[in-house]
N, C-alpha and C. Protein backbone atom coordinates (compact mmCIF):
# COMPACT_ATOMS: atom_id res chain seq x y z
N MET A 1 -63.77 68.76 -9.82
CA MET A 1 -63.04 69.56 -10.78
C MET A 1 -61.54 69.35 -10.61
N GLY A 2 -61.11 69.21 -9.37
CA GLY A 2 -59.69 69.01 -9.12
C GLY A 2 -59.17 67.74 -9.74
N ASN A 3 -59.96 66.66 -9.63
CA ASN A 3 -59.53 65.39 -10.21
C ASN A 3 -59.43 65.47 -11.73
N LEU A 4 -60.27 66.26 -12.36
CA LEU A 4 -60.21 66.40 -13.82
C LEU A 4 -58.85 66.95 -14.24
N VAL A 5 -58.40 67.99 -13.56
CA VAL A 5 -57.10 68.58 -13.88
C VAL A 5 -55.97 67.62 -13.51
N LEU A 6 -56.05 67.03 -12.32
CA LEU A 6 -54.98 66.16 -11.85
C LEU A 6 -54.85 64.89 -12.69
N ILE A 7 -55.96 64.27 -13.03
CA ILE A 7 -55.91 63.05 -13.83
C ILE A 7 -55.44 63.35 -15.25
N THR A 8 -55.83 64.49 -15.79
CA THR A 8 -55.33 64.91 -17.11
C THR A 8 -53.82 65.06 -17.07
N PHE A 9 -53.31 65.70 -16.02
CA PHE A 9 -51.86 65.83 -15.85
C PHE A 9 -51.20 64.46 -15.74
N LEU A 10 -51.79 63.58 -14.96
CA LEU A 10 -51.24 62.24 -14.76
C LEU A 10 -51.15 61.48 -16.09
N ILE A 11 -52.22 61.48 -16.84
CA ILE A 11 -52.25 60.75 -18.11
C ILE A 11 -51.24 61.35 -19.09
N ALA A 12 -51.22 62.68 -19.20
CA ALA A 12 -50.31 63.33 -20.14
C ALA A 12 -48.86 63.10 -19.77
N SER A 13 -48.53 63.23 -18.50
CA SER A 13 -47.12 63.08 -18.12
C SER A 13 -46.67 61.62 -18.19
N LEU A 14 -47.57 60.68 -17.89
CA LEU A 14 -47.21 59.27 -18.05
C LEU A 14 -47.05 58.91 -19.53
N ALA A 15 -47.86 59.50 -20.38
CA ALA A 15 -47.75 59.22 -21.81
C ALA A 15 -46.42 59.72 -22.38
N LEU A 16 -45.84 60.73 -21.77
CA LEU A 16 -44.57 61.28 -22.25
C LEU A 16 -43.34 60.54 -21.72
N LEU A 17 -43.53 59.57 -20.84
CA LEU A 17 -42.39 58.80 -20.34
C LEU A 17 -41.82 57.92 -21.46
N PRO A 18 -40.51 57.75 -21.48
CA PRO A 18 -39.91 56.93 -22.54
C PRO A 18 -40.26 55.45 -22.45
N ASP A 19 -40.41 54.93 -21.23
CA ASP A 19 -40.86 53.56 -21.04
C ASP A 19 -41.56 53.49 -19.68
N TYR A 20 -42.17 52.35 -19.41
CA TYR A 20 -42.95 52.22 -18.18
C TYR A 20 -42.34 51.22 -17.22
N GLY A 21 -41.03 51.13 -17.24
CA GLY A 21 -40.32 50.26 -16.32
C GLY A 21 -40.36 50.84 -14.91
N TYR A 22 -40.06 49.99 -13.96
CA TYR A 22 -40.09 50.39 -12.55
C TYR A 22 -39.20 51.59 -12.27
N ALA A 23 -37.98 51.57 -12.76
CA ALA A 23 -37.03 52.65 -12.49
C ALA A 23 -37.51 53.98 -13.09
N THR A 24 -38.07 53.92 -14.29
CA THR A 24 -38.54 55.14 -14.95
C THR A 24 -39.71 55.76 -14.20
N VAL A 25 -40.69 54.94 -13.85
CA VAL A 25 -41.87 55.46 -13.15
C VAL A 25 -41.50 55.93 -11.74
N ARG A 26 -40.63 55.19 -11.08
CA ARG A 26 -40.18 55.61 -9.75
C ARG A 26 -39.44 56.94 -9.83
N GLY A 27 -38.60 57.11 -10.84
CA GLY A 27 -37.90 58.39 -11.04
C GLY A 27 -38.87 59.52 -11.32
N TRP A 28 -39.91 59.21 -12.07
CA TRP A 28 -40.94 60.23 -12.35
C TRP A 28 -41.66 60.64 -11.07
N VAL A 29 -42.04 59.67 -10.25
CA VAL A 29 -42.75 59.97 -9.00
C VAL A 29 -41.84 60.72 -8.03
N ALA A 30 -40.54 60.53 -8.12
CA ALA A 30 -39.61 61.18 -7.20
C ALA A 30 -39.46 62.68 -7.48
N ARG A 31 -39.88 63.13 -8.65
CA ARG A 31 -39.80 64.56 -8.96
C ARG A 31 -40.88 65.32 -8.20
N PRO A 32 -40.65 66.60 -7.89
CA PRO A 32 -41.59 67.35 -7.03
C PRO A 32 -43.02 67.50 -7.58
N LEU A 33 -43.17 67.92 -8.82
CA LEU A 33 -44.51 68.17 -9.35
C LEU A 33 -45.35 66.90 -9.44
N PRO A 34 -44.81 65.80 -10.00
CA PRO A 34 -45.61 64.57 -10.03
C PRO A 34 -45.94 64.03 -8.64
N SER A 35 -45.00 64.14 -7.70
CA SER A 35 -45.29 63.62 -6.36
C SER A 35 -46.39 64.43 -5.68
N ILE A 36 -46.36 65.73 -5.84
CA ILE A 36 -47.43 66.57 -5.27
C ILE A 36 -48.76 66.24 -5.94
N ALA A 37 -48.74 66.08 -7.26
CA ALA A 37 -49.97 65.74 -7.98
C ALA A 37 -50.51 64.39 -7.52
N MET A 38 -49.64 63.41 -7.34
CA MET A 38 -50.09 62.09 -6.88
C MET A 38 -50.71 62.17 -5.49
N ILE A 39 -50.12 62.95 -4.61
CA ILE A 39 -50.67 63.11 -3.26
C ILE A 39 -52.04 63.78 -3.33
N LEU A 40 -52.16 64.82 -4.15
CA LEU A 40 -53.45 65.51 -4.28
C LEU A 40 -54.51 64.60 -4.90
N ILE A 41 -54.10 63.76 -5.86
CA ILE A 41 -55.04 62.80 -6.45
C ILE A 41 -55.55 61.84 -5.38
N MET A 42 -54.66 61.36 -4.54
CA MET A 42 -55.08 60.42 -3.48
C MET A 42 -56.03 61.09 -2.50
N ILE A 43 -55.71 62.29 -2.08
CA ILE A 43 -56.58 62.99 -1.14
C ILE A 43 -57.95 63.21 -1.76
N ASN A 44 -57.97 63.72 -2.98
CA ASN A 44 -59.22 64.03 -3.66
C ASN A 44 -60.04 62.77 -3.95
N THR A 45 -59.39 61.73 -4.43
CA THR A 45 -60.11 60.51 -4.80
C THR A 45 -60.69 59.81 -3.57
N PHE A 46 -59.89 59.65 -2.51
CA PHE A 46 -60.39 58.97 -1.33
C PHE A 46 -61.47 59.78 -0.61
N THR A 47 -61.35 61.11 -0.64
CA THR A 47 -62.41 61.94 -0.05
C THR A 47 -63.70 61.79 -0.84
N HIS A 48 -63.60 61.82 -2.15
CA HIS A 48 -64.77 61.67 -3.01
C HIS A 48 -65.42 60.30 -2.81
N ALA A 49 -64.61 59.26 -2.74
CA ALA A 49 -65.13 57.91 -2.53
C ALA A 49 -65.81 57.79 -1.17
N ARG A 50 -65.21 58.36 -0.15
CA ARG A 50 -65.79 58.30 1.19
C ARG A 50 -67.15 58.99 1.23
N MET A 51 -67.25 60.14 0.59
CA MET A 51 -68.53 60.86 0.58
C MET A 51 -69.60 60.08 -0.17
N GLY A 52 -69.22 59.45 -1.28
CA GLY A 52 -70.19 58.67 -2.04
C GLY A 52 -70.70 57.46 -1.28
N VAL A 53 -69.80 56.74 -0.63
CA VAL A 53 -70.21 55.57 0.15
C VAL A 53 -71.02 55.99 1.37
N GLN A 54 -70.67 57.11 1.96
CA GLN A 54 -71.41 57.60 3.13
C GLN A 54 -72.86 57.92 2.75
N VAL A 55 -73.08 58.53 1.61
CA VAL A 55 -74.43 58.83 1.16
C VAL A 55 -75.22 57.55 0.94
N MET A 56 -74.58 56.54 0.34
CA MET A 56 -75.27 55.26 0.13
C MET A 56 -75.63 54.63 1.47
N LEU A 57 -74.72 54.67 2.42
CA LEU A 57 -75.01 54.08 3.73
C LEU A 57 -76.14 54.81 4.44
N GLU A 58 -76.17 56.12 4.34
CA GLU A 58 -77.24 56.89 4.96
C GLU A 58 -78.59 56.52 4.37
N ASP A 59 -78.61 56.20 3.07
CA ASP A 59 -79.86 55.86 2.40
C ASP A 59 -80.31 54.43 2.69
N TYR A 60 -79.35 53.49 2.85
CA TYR A 60 -79.73 52.08 2.88
C TYR A 60 -79.52 51.36 4.21
N VAL A 61 -78.75 51.91 5.12
CA VAL A 61 -78.54 51.26 6.42
C VAL A 61 -79.45 51.94 7.44
N HIS A 62 -80.38 51.17 8.01
CA HIS A 62 -81.38 51.76 8.89
C HIS A 62 -81.22 51.37 10.35
N GLU A 63 -80.47 50.32 10.63
CA GLU A 63 -80.28 49.88 12.01
C GLU A 63 -79.20 50.74 12.66
N GLU A 64 -79.42 51.11 13.90
CA GLU A 64 -78.49 52.01 14.59
C GLU A 64 -77.09 51.38 14.75
N GLY A 65 -77.03 50.12 15.14
CA GLY A 65 -75.74 49.45 15.28
C GLY A 65 -75.01 49.34 13.96
N GLY A 66 -75.75 49.04 12.92
CA GLY A 66 -75.16 48.95 11.58
C GLY A 66 -74.66 50.29 11.10
N LYS A 67 -75.38 51.36 11.43
CA LYS A 67 -74.96 52.70 11.03
C LYS A 67 -73.64 53.08 11.68
N ILE A 68 -73.51 52.75 12.96
CA ILE A 68 -72.28 53.11 13.67
C ILE A 68 -71.09 52.35 13.10
N ALA A 69 -71.25 51.04 12.91
CA ALA A 69 -70.16 50.23 12.36
C ALA A 69 -69.81 50.68 10.93
N ALA A 70 -70.83 50.92 10.13
CA ALA A 70 -70.59 51.36 8.76
C ALA A 70 -69.94 52.73 8.73
N TRP A 71 -70.38 53.63 9.60
CA TRP A 71 -69.80 54.97 9.65
C TRP A 71 -68.32 54.90 10.02
N LEU A 72 -67.99 54.04 10.99
CA LEU A 72 -66.58 53.89 11.37
C LEU A 72 -65.75 53.37 10.20
N LEU A 73 -66.25 52.35 9.52
CA LEU A 73 -65.51 51.81 8.37
C LEU A 73 -65.39 52.82 7.25
N VAL A 74 -66.46 53.55 6.99
CA VAL A 74 -66.46 54.54 5.90
C VAL A 74 -65.47 55.66 6.18
N ASN A 75 -65.19 55.94 7.42
CA ASN A 75 -64.26 57.00 7.74
C ASN A 75 -62.84 56.50 7.97
N ILE A 76 -62.68 55.29 8.48
CA ILE A 76 -61.34 54.79 8.79
C ILE A 76 -60.64 54.22 7.56
N VAL A 77 -61.34 53.42 6.76
CA VAL A 77 -60.70 52.74 5.63
C VAL A 77 -60.15 53.74 4.59
N PRO A 78 -60.93 54.72 4.13
CA PRO A 78 -60.36 55.66 3.16
C PRO A 78 -59.21 56.49 3.74
N PHE A 79 -59.31 56.85 5.01
CA PHE A 79 -58.23 57.60 5.64
C PHE A 79 -56.96 56.77 5.69
N ALA A 80 -57.08 55.51 6.08
CA ALA A 80 -55.92 54.63 6.15
C ALA A 80 -55.32 54.40 4.76
N ALA A 81 -56.17 54.19 3.77
CA ALA A 81 -55.68 53.97 2.40
C ALA A 81 -54.97 55.21 1.86
N ALA A 82 -55.56 56.38 2.08
CA ALA A 82 -54.93 57.62 1.63
C ALA A 82 -53.62 57.85 2.36
N ALA A 83 -53.59 57.61 3.66
CA ALA A 83 -52.36 57.78 4.43
C ALA A 83 -51.27 56.85 3.91
N PHE A 84 -51.61 55.60 3.63
CA PHE A 84 -50.64 54.64 3.10
C PHE A 84 -50.09 55.13 1.75
N GLY A 85 -50.98 55.57 0.87
CA GLY A 85 -50.55 56.05 -0.44
C GLY A 85 -49.68 57.30 -0.35
N ILE A 86 -50.07 58.23 0.50
CA ILE A 86 -49.31 59.47 0.67
C ILE A 86 -47.93 59.17 1.25
N LEU A 87 -47.88 58.32 2.26
CA LEU A 87 -46.58 57.96 2.84
C LEU A 87 -45.70 57.24 1.82
N SER A 88 -46.30 56.43 0.98
CA SER A 88 -45.53 55.74 -0.06
C SER A 88 -44.93 56.72 -1.06
N VAL A 89 -45.73 57.68 -1.49
CA VAL A 89 -45.21 58.69 -2.43
C VAL A 89 -44.15 59.54 -1.76
N LEU A 90 -44.37 59.94 -0.51
CA LEU A 90 -43.36 60.74 0.20
C LEU A 90 -42.06 59.96 0.37
N ARG A 91 -42.17 58.68 0.64
CA ARG A 91 -40.96 57.87 0.79
C ARG A 91 -40.16 57.84 -0.49
N ILE A 92 -40.84 57.70 -1.61
CA ILE A 92 -40.15 57.72 -2.91
C ILE A 92 -39.59 59.10 -3.18
N ALA A 93 -40.42 60.14 -2.97
CA ALA A 93 -40.01 61.51 -3.29
C ALA A 93 -38.85 62.00 -2.43
N LEU A 94 -38.79 61.54 -1.20
CA LEU A 94 -37.73 61.99 -0.29
C LEU A 94 -36.53 61.07 -0.31
N GLY A 95 -36.52 60.10 -1.21
CA GLY A 95 -35.36 59.26 -1.40
C GLY A 95 -35.25 58.08 -0.48
N GLY A 96 -36.36 57.64 0.10
CA GLY A 96 -36.31 56.47 0.97
C GLY A 96 -36.08 55.20 0.17
N ALA A 97 -35.59 54.21 0.85
CA ALA A 97 -35.29 52.94 0.18
C ALA A 97 -36.53 52.12 -0.07
């Protein structure tokens, strides 16, 4: 449900931008509300993706060694990707170069 509201906000606010150049979009992300929304989208999307892949792995991976390796990847990769995205948005929002 959260992604429905957040993605609707994302699409509507991007549609209202005067152009889609780098400077315009970066300026948009630097504002407080869009940056918070982008961070929440990343958290929600990567959590949802992790849960979906985890369910598939539980259903289809039967070897114990494979389960452990898959479980580690399913938990580390989305966390790392979300952390990278969140840090990127924070860097833009807080005025980093």
